[in-house]
């Protein structure tokens, strides 16, 4: 299936795109189709996204929480590409298939702290206007810090960008599909 936006084969890239694709390939073993599309059309946007991802990787949120956030946002956005990618990554950071299904559905997982995070992120992703104070208070009461609230919102912003790129592009899936 062809995508909607021009996407070159990463091996054919030159300049800044080639440099970024080389870094991504070295780190991941391949250049995912979403990154190839972004880098083909705007290498500076891909570089900025990778910089944000580096900040997120050094955050105080644990890897499973970061993947849970990405799954919630991708599910509410309807981004099949990101759901597949972050289900695979979620498994690698210790989230069970069942927990990931529960997170995506917005139902309790039995982990009270993570469930507060899921509720907070789902509220961010599905509502408009000011987030209810009790939603924020529940997140803080569950043990997250104000720094982690900001870090959570950065993860939301980052995954939202890739969600919209993939939804516009109809990016060809290069991760195992999720049912």
N, C-alpha and C. Protein backbone atom coordinates (compact mmCIF):
# COMPACT_ATOMS: atom_id res chain seq x y z
N UNK A 1 0.85 -1.19 0.00
CA UNK A 1 0.00 0.00 0.00
C UNK A 1 0.89 1.25 0.00
N UNK A 2 0.63 2.13 -0.90
CA UNK A 2 1.41 3.37 -1.00
C UNK A 2 0.96 4.37 0.07
N UNK A 3 1.91 5.12 0.56
CA UNK A 3 1.58 6.17 1.52
C UNK A 3 1.22 7.44 0.77
N UNK A 4 0.72 8.41 1.48
CA UNK A 4 0.25 9.64 0.86
C UNK A 4 1.34 10.69 0.66
N UNK A 5 2.33 10.71 1.54
CA UNK A 5 3.41 11.68 1.45
C UNK A 5 4.64 11.02 0.86
N UNK A 6 5.43 11.79 0.15
CA UNK A 6 6.65 11.29 -0.45
C UNK A 6 7.56 10.73 0.65
N UNK A 7 8.07 9.53 0.42
CA UNK A 7 9.00 8.91 1.36
C UNK A 7 10.07 8.20 0.56
N UNK A 8 11.31 8.63 0.75
CA UNK A 8 12.41 7.97 0.04
C UNK A 8 12.89 6.76 0.83
N UNK A 9 13.56 5.88 0.14
CA UNK A 9 14.24 4.78 0.80
C UNK A 9 15.38 5.41 1.60
N UNK A 10 15.47 5.13 2.91
CA UNK A 10 16.55 5.75 3.70
C UNK A 10 17.94 5.56 3.11
N UNK A 11 18.18 4.48 2.39
CA UNK A 11 19.49 4.24 1.77
C UNK A 11 19.78 5.25 0.65
N UNK A 12 18.74 5.88 0.13
CA UNK A 12 18.91 6.85 -0.96
C UNK A 12 18.98 8.29 -0.46
N UNK A 13 18.92 8.49 0.86
CA UNK A 13 18.90 9.84 1.42
C UNK A 13 20.28 10.49 1.32
N UNK A 14 20.26 11.81 1.37
CA UNK A 14 21.52 12.56 1.39
C UNK A 14 21.41 13.65 2.44
N UNK A 15 22.54 14.28 2.76
CA UNK A 15 22.55 15.41 3.67
C UNK A 15 22.07 15.05 5.08
N UNK A 16 21.34 15.98 5.68
CA UNK A 16 20.86 15.84 7.06
C UNK A 16 19.98 14.59 7.22
N UNK A 17 19.13 14.32 6.23
CA UNK A 17 18.27 13.13 6.31
C UNK A 17 19.12 11.86 6.38
N UNK A 18 20.14 11.76 5.55
CA UNK A 18 21.01 10.58 5.56
C UNK A 18 21.70 10.42 6.91
N UNK A 19 22.16 11.53 7.46
CA UNK A 19 22.82 11.51 8.77
C UNK A 19 21.86 10.99 9.85
N UNK A 20 20.64 11.52 9.86
CA UNK A 20 19.65 11.10 10.86
C UNK A 20 19.24 9.65 10.67
N UNK A 21 19.02 9.26 9.42
CA UNK A 21 18.64 7.88 9.15
C UNK A 21 19.74 6.92 9.59
N UNK A 22 20.99 7.31 9.42
CA UNK A 22 22.10 6.48 9.88
C UNK A 22 22.09 6.31 11.39
N UNK A 23 21.83 7.40 12.11
CA UNK A 23 21.76 7.33 13.57
C UNK A 23 20.61 6.43 14.02
N UNK A 24 19.47 6.59 13.38
CA UNK A 24 18.29 5.80 13.74
C UNK A 24 18.54 4.33 13.45
N UNK A 25 19.08 4.04 12.29
CA UNK A 25 19.35 2.65 11.90
C UNK A 25 20.34 1.99 12.86
N UNK A 26 21.34 2.74 13.26
CA UNK A 26 22.33 2.21 14.21
C UNK A 26 21.67 1.90 15.55
N UNK A 27 20.78 2.76 16.00
CA UNK A 27 20.13 2.59 17.30
C UNK A 27 19.03 1.53 17.28
N UNK A 28 18.29 1.45 16.17
CA UNK A 28 17.10 0.59 16.11
C UNK A 28 17.23 -0.61 15.20
N UNK A 29 18.27 -0.64 14.39
CA UNK A 29 18.41 -1.72 13.43
C UNK A 29 17.69 -1.47 12.12
N UNK A 30 16.90 -0.42 12.06
CA UNK A 30 16.18 -0.04 10.84
C UNK A 30 15.69 1.39 11.02
N UNK A 31 15.20 1.96 9.94
CA UNK A 31 14.55 3.27 10.00
C UNK A 31 13.06 3.00 9.85
N UNK A 32 12.29 3.13 10.93
CA UNK A 32 10.84 2.90 10.81
C UNK A 32 10.23 3.83 9.75
N UNK A 33 9.18 3.34 9.11
CA UNK A 33 8.54 4.10 8.04
C UNK A 33 8.10 5.49 8.47
N UNK A 34 7.63 5.64 9.70
CA UNK A 34 7.20 6.96 10.17
C UNK A 34 8.38 7.94 10.17
N UNK A 35 9.53 7.49 10.66
CA UNK A 35 10.71 8.36 10.69
C UNK A 35 11.19 8.66 9.27
N UNK A 36 11.09 7.67 8.37
CA UNK A 36 11.50 7.88 6.98
C UNK A 36 10.64 8.96 6.34
N UNK A 37 9.35 8.95 6.61
CA UNK A 37 8.46 9.96 6.04
C UNK A 37 8.79 11.35 6.58
N UNK A 38 8.96 11.45 7.88
CA UNK A 38 9.26 12.75 8.48
C UNK A 38 10.60 13.27 7.95
N UNK A 39 11.61 12.43 7.98
CA UNK A 39 12.95 12.84 7.55
C UNK A 39 13.04 13.16 6.07
N UNK A 40 12.28 12.46 5.25
CA UNK A 40 12.25 12.76 3.81
C UNK A 40 11.75 14.17 3.57
N UNK A 41 10.71 14.53 4.28
CA UNK A 41 10.03 15.79 4.01
C UNK A 41 10.52 16.96 4.84
N UNK A 42 11.14 16.67 6.01
CA UNK A 42 11.62 17.76 6.85
C UNK A 42 12.64 17.20 7.85
N UNK A 43 13.90 17.08 7.44
CA UNK A 43 14.91 16.53 8.34
C UNK A 43 15.02 17.30 9.66
N UNK A 44 14.77 18.60 9.64
CA UNK A 44 14.85 19.40 10.87
C UNK A 44 13.73 18.99 11.84
N UNK A 45 12.56 18.66 11.32
CA UNK A 45 11.47 18.19 12.18
C UNK A 45 11.83 16.85 12.80
N UNK A 46 12.43 15.97 12.01
CA UNK A 46 12.87 14.67 12.55
C UNK A 46 13.94 14.88 13.61
N UNK A 47 14.89 15.78 13.37
CA UNK A 47 15.93 16.05 14.36
C UNK A 47 15.32 16.58 15.65
N UNK A 48 14.36 17.49 15.53
CA UNK A 48 13.69 18.04 16.72
C UNK A 48 12.95 16.95 17.47
N UNK A 49 12.28 16.07 16.74
CA UNK A 49 11.55 14.97 17.37
C UNK A 49 12.52 14.04 18.11
N UNK A 50 13.64 13.74 17.48
CA UNK A 50 14.63 12.87 18.13
C UNK A 50 15.22 13.54 19.37
N UNK A 51 15.41 14.86 19.32
CA UNK A 51 15.88 15.59 20.49
C UNK A 51 14.87 15.50 21.63
N UNK A 52 13.60 15.66 21.32
CA UNK A 52 12.55 15.54 22.34
C UNK A 52 12.55 14.13 22.90
N UNK A 53 12.67 13.14 22.02
CA UNK A 53 12.71 11.75 22.49
C UNK A 53 13.90 11.49 23.41
N UNK A 54 15.02 12.15 23.17
CA UNK A 54 16.19 12.00 24.04
C UNK A 54 15.91 12.60 25.42
N UNK A 55 15.22 13.72 25.46
CA UNK A 55 14.82 14.31 26.75
C UNK A 55 13.88 13.36 27.48
N UNK A 56 12.92 12.81 26.76
CA UNK A 56 11.97 11.87 27.36
C UNK A 56 12.70 10.64 27.89
N UNK A 57 13.67 10.13 27.14
CA UNK A 57 14.42 8.94 27.57
C UNK A 57 15.19 9.18 28.85
N UNK A 58 15.56 10.44 29.11
CA UNK A 58 16.29 10.75 30.34
C UNK A 58 15.37 11.25 31.46
N UNK A 59 14.07 11.14 31.24
CA UNK A 59 13.12 11.63 32.25
C UNK A 59 13.08 10.70 33.46
N UNK A 60 12.37 11.15 34.49
CA UNK A 60 12.23 10.33 35.70
C UNK A 60 11.07 9.35 35.60
N UNK A 61 10.30 9.41 34.51
CA UNK A 61 9.25 8.41 34.29
C UNK A 61 9.92 7.10 33.88
N UNK A 62 9.41 5.99 34.40
CA UNK A 62 10.02 4.73 33.97
C UNK A 62 9.55 4.37 32.56
N UNK A 63 10.29 3.46 31.94
CA UNK A 63 10.03 3.11 30.55
C UNK A 63 8.62 2.57 30.34
N UNK A 64 8.12 1.78 31.27
CA UNK A 64 6.77 1.22 31.13
C UNK A 64 5.73 2.34 31.18
N UNK A 65 5.93 3.33 32.05
CA UNK A 65 5.00 4.46 32.10
C UNK A 65 5.02 5.24 30.79
N UNK A 66 6.20 5.44 30.23
CA UNK A 66 6.30 6.17 28.96
C UNK A 66 5.57 5.43 27.85
N UNK A 67 5.72 4.11 27.81
CA UNK A 67 5.01 3.34 26.79
C UNK A 67 3.50 3.32 27.05
N UNK A 68 3.09 3.28 28.31
CA UNK A 68 1.67 3.35 28.63
C UNK A 68 1.07 4.66 28.11
N UNK A 69 1.77 5.76 28.32
CA UNK A 69 1.31 7.07 27.83
C UNK A 69 1.16 7.03 26.32
N UNK A 70 2.15 6.51 25.65
CA UNK A 70 2.12 6.46 24.18
C UNK A 70 0.97 5.58 23.68
N UNK A 71 0.71 4.50 24.38
CA UNK A 71 -0.39 3.62 23.99
C UNK A 71 -1.75 4.30 24.17
N UNK A 72 -1.94 4.98 25.29
CA UNK A 72 -3.21 5.66 25.54
C UNK A 72 -3.47 6.71 24.47
N UNK A 73 -2.50 7.56 24.23
CA UNK A 73 -2.67 8.64 23.26
C UNK A 73 -2.89 8.07 21.86
N UNK A 74 -2.13 7.06 21.49
CA UNK A 74 -2.28 6.46 20.16
C UNK A 74 -3.63 5.78 20.00
N UNK A 75 -4.09 5.15 21.05
CA UNK A 75 -5.41 4.51 21.01
C UNK A 75 -6.51 5.55 20.83
N UNK A 76 -6.46 6.61 21.61
CA UNK A 76 -7.52 7.63 21.51
C UNK A 76 -7.46 8.36 20.17
N UNK A 77 -6.25 8.47 19.58
CA UNK A 77 -6.11 9.12 18.28
C UNK A 77 -6.48 8.18 17.13
N UNK A 78 -6.49 6.88 17.40
CA UNK A 78 -6.76 5.91 16.34
C UNK A 78 -5.58 5.71 15.41
N UNK A 79 -4.37 5.79 15.95
CA UNK A 79 -3.15 5.62 15.14
C UNK A 79 -2.68 4.17 15.23
N UNK A 80 -3.10 3.36 14.27
CA UNK A 80 -2.73 1.95 14.26
C UNK A 80 -1.22 1.74 14.21
N UNK A 81 -0.53 2.61 13.48
CA UNK A 81 0.93 2.50 13.37
C UNK A 81 1.57 2.62 14.75
N UNK A 82 1.23 3.67 15.49
CA UNK A 82 1.85 3.89 16.80
C UNK A 82 1.38 2.85 17.83
N UNK A 83 0.14 2.39 17.70
CA UNK A 83 -0.32 1.33 18.60
C UNK A 83 0.55 0.09 18.40
N UNK A 84 0.82 -0.26 17.15
CA UNK A 84 1.66 -1.43 16.87
C UNK A 84 3.08 -1.23 17.38
N UNK A 85 3.66 -0.07 17.08
CA UNK A 85 5.04 0.18 17.49
C UNK A 85 5.17 0.17 19.01
N UNK A 86 4.24 0.81 19.70
CA UNK A 86 4.38 0.93 21.15
C UNK A 86 3.86 -0.28 21.91
N UNK A 87 3.11 -1.14 21.25
CA UNK A 87 2.79 -2.44 21.85
C UNK A 87 4.04 -3.30 21.85
N UNK A 88 4.77 -3.27 20.74
CA UNK A 88 6.03 -4.02 20.66
C UNK A 88 7.02 -3.49 21.70
N UNK A 89 7.15 -2.16 21.78
CA UNK A 89 8.08 -1.57 22.75
C UNK A 89 7.61 -1.78 24.18
N UNK A 90 6.30 -1.74 24.39
CA UNK A 90 5.75 -1.99 25.73
C UNK A 90 6.12 -3.37 26.23
N UNK A 91 6.05 -4.35 25.34
CA UNK A 91 6.43 -5.72 25.71
C UNK A 91 7.90 -5.76 26.11
N UNK A 92 8.74 -5.02 25.36
CA UNK A 92 10.18 -5.01 25.64
C UNK A 92 10.51 -4.38 26.99
N UNK A 93 9.64 -3.49 27.50
CA UNK A 93 9.92 -2.84 28.79
C UNK A 93 9.12 -3.46 29.93
N UNK A 94 8.51 -4.62 29.66
CA UNK A 94 7.90 -5.37 30.75
C UNK A 94 6.39 -5.27 30.90
N UNK A 95 5.71 -4.58 30.00
CA UNK A 95 4.24 -4.54 30.09
C UNK A 95 3.69 -5.82 29.48
N UNK A 96 2.78 -6.45 30.18
CA UNK A 96 2.16 -7.67 29.65
C UNK A 96 1.14 -7.32 28.58
N UNK A 97 0.82 -8.30 27.72
CA UNK A 97 -0.22 -8.10 26.70
C UNK A 97 -1.51 -7.67 27.36
N UNK A 98 -1.86 -8.33 28.46
CA UNK A 98 -3.12 -8.01 29.15
C UNK A 98 -3.09 -6.59 29.69
N UNK A 99 -2.00 -6.18 30.31
CA UNK A 99 -1.91 -4.82 30.83
C UNK A 99 -2.03 -3.80 29.71
N UNK A 100 -1.39 -4.08 28.57
CA UNK A 100 -1.46 -3.13 27.46
C UNK A 100 -2.88 -3.03 26.91
N UNK A 101 -3.59 -4.14 26.86
CA UNK A 101 -5.00 -4.10 26.43
C UNK A 101 -5.82 -3.27 27.41
N UNK A 102 -5.57 -3.46 28.71
CA UNK A 102 -6.30 -2.70 29.73
C UNK A 102 -5.97 -1.21 29.63
N UNK A 103 -4.71 -0.89 29.45
CA UNK A 103 -4.29 0.50 29.32
C UNK A 103 -4.97 1.14 28.12
N UNK A 104 -4.95 0.46 26.98
CA UNK A 104 -5.58 1.00 25.78
C UNK A 104 -7.08 1.19 25.95
N UNK A 105 -7.70 0.29 26.71
CA UNK A 105 -9.15 0.37 26.93
C UNK A 105 -9.51 1.35 28.05
N UNK A 106 -8.51 1.78 28.83
CA UNK A 106 -8.76 2.69 29.92
C UNK A 106 -9.41 2.03 31.12
N UNK A 107 -9.14 0.74 31.29
CA UNK A 107 -9.68 0.03 32.45
C UNK A 107 -8.56 -0.27 33.44
N UNK A 108 -8.93 -0.49 34.68
CA UNK A 108 -7.96 -0.71 35.75
C UNK A 108 -7.07 -1.92 35.45
N UNK A 109 -5.78 -1.75 35.73
CA UNK A 109 -4.81 -2.82 35.51
C UNK A 109 -4.45 -3.54 36.81
N UNK A 110 -4.85 -2.96 37.94
CA UNK A 110 -4.46 -3.50 39.23
C UNK A 110 -3.23 -2.83 39.79
N UNK A 111 -2.60 -1.97 39.00
CA UNK A 111 -1.46 -1.17 39.45
C UNK A 111 -2.00 0.23 39.69
N UNK A 112 -2.29 0.56 40.95
CA UNK A 112 -2.99 1.81 41.28
C UNK A 112 -2.24 3.04 40.80
N UNK A 113 -0.92 3.02 40.91
CA UNK A 113 -0.14 4.18 40.48
C UNK A 113 -0.27 4.37 38.97
N UNK A 114 -0.04 3.29 38.20
CA UNK A 114 -0.14 3.41 36.75
C UNK A 114 -1.57 3.72 36.32
N UNK A 115 -2.54 3.18 37.03
CA UNK A 115 -3.94 3.48 36.70
C UNK A 115 -4.25 4.96 36.85
N UNK A 116 -3.65 5.63 37.83
CA UNK A 116 -3.83 7.08 37.98
C UNK A 116 -3.21 7.80 36.79
N UNK A 117 -2.06 7.32 36.33
CA UNK A 117 -1.42 7.90 35.14
C UNK A 117 -2.30 7.71 33.92
N UNK A 118 -2.84 6.51 33.75
CA UNK A 118 -3.71 6.21 32.61
C UNK A 118 -4.93 7.14 32.62
N UNK A 119 -5.53 7.32 33.77
CA UNK A 119 -6.70 8.20 33.87
C UNK A 119 -6.33 9.63 33.51
N UNK A 120 -5.21 10.10 34.03
CA UNK A 120 -4.75 11.46 33.75
C UNK A 120 -4.52 11.66 32.25
N UNK A 121 -3.78 10.74 31.63
CA UNK A 121 -3.45 10.88 30.21
C UNK A 121 -4.70 10.73 29.35
N UNK A 122 -5.56 9.80 29.70
CA UNK A 122 -6.81 9.63 28.93
C UNK A 122 -7.64 10.92 29.02
N UNK A 123 -7.67 11.55 30.18
CA UNK A 123 -8.39 12.81 30.33
C UNK A 123 -7.78 13.88 29.43
N UNK A 124 -6.45 13.98 29.42
CA UNK A 124 -5.77 14.94 28.54
C UNK A 124 -6.13 14.69 27.07
N UNK A 125 -6.15 13.43 26.69
CA UNK A 125 -6.33 13.07 25.28
C UNK A 125 -7.78 13.15 24.81
N UNK A 126 -8.72 13.10 25.71
CA UNK A 126 -10.12 12.98 25.28
C UNK A 126 -11.01 14.14 25.68
N UNK A 127 -10.47 15.12 26.40
CA UNK A 127 -11.31 16.23 26.83
C UNK A 127 -10.73 17.55 26.34
N UNK A 128 -11.53 18.57 26.49
CA UNK A 128 -11.10 19.93 26.14
C UNK A 128 -11.18 20.78 27.39
N UNK A 129 -10.49 21.90 27.35
CA UNK A 129 -10.54 22.81 28.49
C UNK A 129 -9.61 22.36 29.61
N UNK A 130 -9.78 22.99 30.75
CA UNK A 130 -8.92 22.73 31.90
C UNK A 130 -9.17 21.33 32.45
N UNK A 131 -8.09 20.63 32.71
CA UNK A 131 -8.18 19.29 33.32
C UNK A 131 -8.72 19.47 34.73
N UNK A 132 -9.69 18.65 35.12
CA UNK A 132 -10.22 18.76 36.48
C UNK A 132 -9.13 18.61 37.54
N UNK A 133 -9.20 19.44 38.57
CA UNK A 133 -8.21 19.42 39.64
C UNK A 133 -8.12 18.03 40.27
N UNK A 134 -9.24 17.35 40.42
CA UNK A 134 -9.20 16.02 41.06
C UNK A 134 -8.42 15.01 40.23
N UNK A 135 -8.37 15.19 38.91
CA UNK A 135 -7.58 14.30 38.05
C UNK A 135 -6.09 14.51 38.30
N UNK A 136 -5.68 15.76 38.39
CA UNK A 136 -4.28 16.08 38.71
C UNK A 136 -3.95 15.63 40.12
N UNK A 137 -4.82 15.93 41.07
CA UNK A 137 -4.57 15.54 42.46
C UNK A 137 -4.44 14.02 42.60
N UNK A 138 -5.24 13.27 41.85
CA UNK A 138 -5.16 11.80 41.93
C UNK A 138 -3.80 11.32 41.42
N UNK A 139 -3.29 11.97 40.37
CA UNK A 139 -1.98 11.59 39.84
C UNK A 139 -0.89 11.87 40.86
N UNK A 140 -0.94 13.05 41.46
CA UNK A 140 0.06 13.42 42.47
C UNK A 140 -0.07 12.54 43.72
N UNK A 141 -1.28 12.25 44.12
CA UNK A 141 -1.51 11.40 45.30
C UNK A 141 -1.04 9.97 45.07
N UNK A 142 -1.03 9.54 43.81
CA UNK A 142 -0.58 8.19 43.47
C UNK A 142 0.94 8.06 43.55
N UNK A 143 1.63 9.20 43.67
CA UNK A 143 3.08 9.14 43.83
C UNK A 143 3.88 9.78 42.72
N UNK A 144 3.23 10.34 41.73
CA UNK A 144 3.95 11.05 40.68
C UNK A 144 4.29 12.45 41.17
N UNK A 145 5.41 12.98 40.69
CA UNK A 145 5.85 14.32 41.09
C UNK A 145 5.36 15.34 40.07
N UNK A 146 5.46 16.61 40.44
CA UNK A 146 5.10 17.66 39.49
C UNK A 146 6.05 17.63 38.28
N UNK A 147 7.30 17.29 38.49
CA UNK A 147 8.23 17.12 37.37
C UNK A 147 7.70 16.04 36.42
N UNK A 148 7.21 14.94 36.99
CA UNK A 148 6.69 13.85 36.16
C UNK A 148 5.39 14.24 35.46
N UNK A 149 4.63 15.15 36.01
CA UNK A 149 3.45 15.67 35.31
C UNK A 149 3.90 16.36 34.03
N UNK A 150 4.93 17.20 34.14
CA UNK A 150 5.47 17.89 32.96
C UNK A 150 6.05 16.87 31.98
N UNK A 151 6.79 15.90 32.48
CA UNK A 151 7.36 14.87 31.62
C UNK A 151 6.26 14.08 30.91
N UNK A 152 5.18 13.80 31.61
CA UNK A 152 4.04 13.10 31.00
C UNK A 152 3.49 13.91 29.83
N UNK A 153 3.33 15.20 30.04
CA UNK A 153 2.79 16.05 28.98
C UNK A 153 3.74 16.14 27.79
N UNK A 154 5.04 16.06 28.03
CA UNK A 154 6.01 16.05 26.93
C UNK A 154 5.87 14.76 26.11
N UNK A 155 5.68 13.64 26.78
CA UNK A 155 5.46 12.38 26.07
C UNK A 155 4.17 12.49 25.23
N UNK A 156 3.13 13.07 25.82
CA UNK A 156 1.86 13.25 25.10
C UNK A 156 2.10 14.10 23.84
N UNK A 157 2.83 15.19 23.99
CA UNK A 157 3.08 16.06 22.84
C UNK A 157 3.88 15.33 21.76
N UNK A 158 4.88 14.59 22.15
CA UNK A 158 5.73 13.88 21.20
C UNK A 158 4.93 12.83 20.42
N UNK A 159 4.19 12.00 21.13
CA UNK A 159 3.45 10.93 20.45
C UNK A 159 2.31 11.52 19.63
N UNK A 160 1.77 12.64 20.04
CA UNK A 160 0.71 13.28 19.26
C UNK A 160 1.24 13.67 17.88
N UNK A 161 2.48 14.17 17.82
CA UNK A 161 3.08 14.52 16.53
C UNK A 161 3.16 13.30 15.62
N UNK A 162 3.70 12.19 16.13
CA UNK A 162 3.83 11.02 15.26
C UNK A 162 2.46 10.44 14.93
N UNK A 163 1.51 10.52 15.85
CA UNK A 163 0.14 10.07 15.55
C UNK A 163 -0.42 10.83 14.35
N UNK A 164 -0.31 12.16 14.37
CA UNK A 164 -0.92 12.92 13.28
C UNK A 164 -0.17 12.71 11.97
N UNK A 165 1.16 12.57 12.02
CA UNK A 165 1.91 12.26 10.79
C UNK A 165 1.39 10.95 10.19
N UNK A 166 1.26 9.93 11.02
CA UNK A 166 0.83 8.62 10.51
C UNK A 166 -0.62 8.62 10.06
N UNK A 167 -1.46 9.38 10.73
CA UNK A 167 -2.86 9.45 10.32
C UNK A 167 -3.02 10.19 8.99
N UNK A 168 -2.23 11.22 8.77
CA UNK A 168 -2.28 11.94 7.50
C UNK A 168 -1.64 11.10 6.40
N UNK A 169 -0.51 10.50 6.69
CA UNK A 169 0.27 9.76 5.70
C UNK A 169 -0.30 8.37 5.40
N UNK A 170 -1.07 7.81 6.33
CA UNK A 170 -1.49 6.41 6.24
C UNK A 170 -0.25 5.54 6.09
N UNK A 171 0.68 5.75 7.02
CA UNK A 171 2.00 5.10 6.98
C UNK A 171 1.86 3.59 6.95
N UNK A 172 2.62 2.98 6.06
CA UNK A 172 2.63 1.53 5.95
C UNK A 172 3.23 0.93 7.21
N UNK A 173 2.51 -0.02 7.79
CA UNK A 173 2.89 -0.64 9.03
C UNK A 173 4.15 -1.51 8.82
N UNK A 174 5.17 -1.27 9.64
CA UNK A 174 6.38 -2.08 9.60
C UNK A 174 6.70 -2.66 10.98
N UNK A 175 5.67 -2.80 11.80
CA UNK A 175 5.73 -3.46 13.10
C UNK A 175 4.61 -4.49 13.11
N UNK A 176 4.70 -5.50 13.99
CA UNK A 176 3.62 -6.49 14.04
C UNK A 176 2.28 -5.82 14.37
N UNK A 177 1.24 -6.12 13.59
CA UNK A 177 -0.07 -5.50 13.84
C UNK A 177 -0.66 -5.96 15.17
N UNK A 178 -1.51 -5.11 15.74
CA UNK A 178 -2.16 -5.40 17.00
C UNK A 178 -3.65 -5.58 16.73
N UNK A 179 -4.22 -6.63 17.31
CA UNK A 179 -5.66 -6.86 17.13
C UNK A 179 -6.44 -6.16 18.21
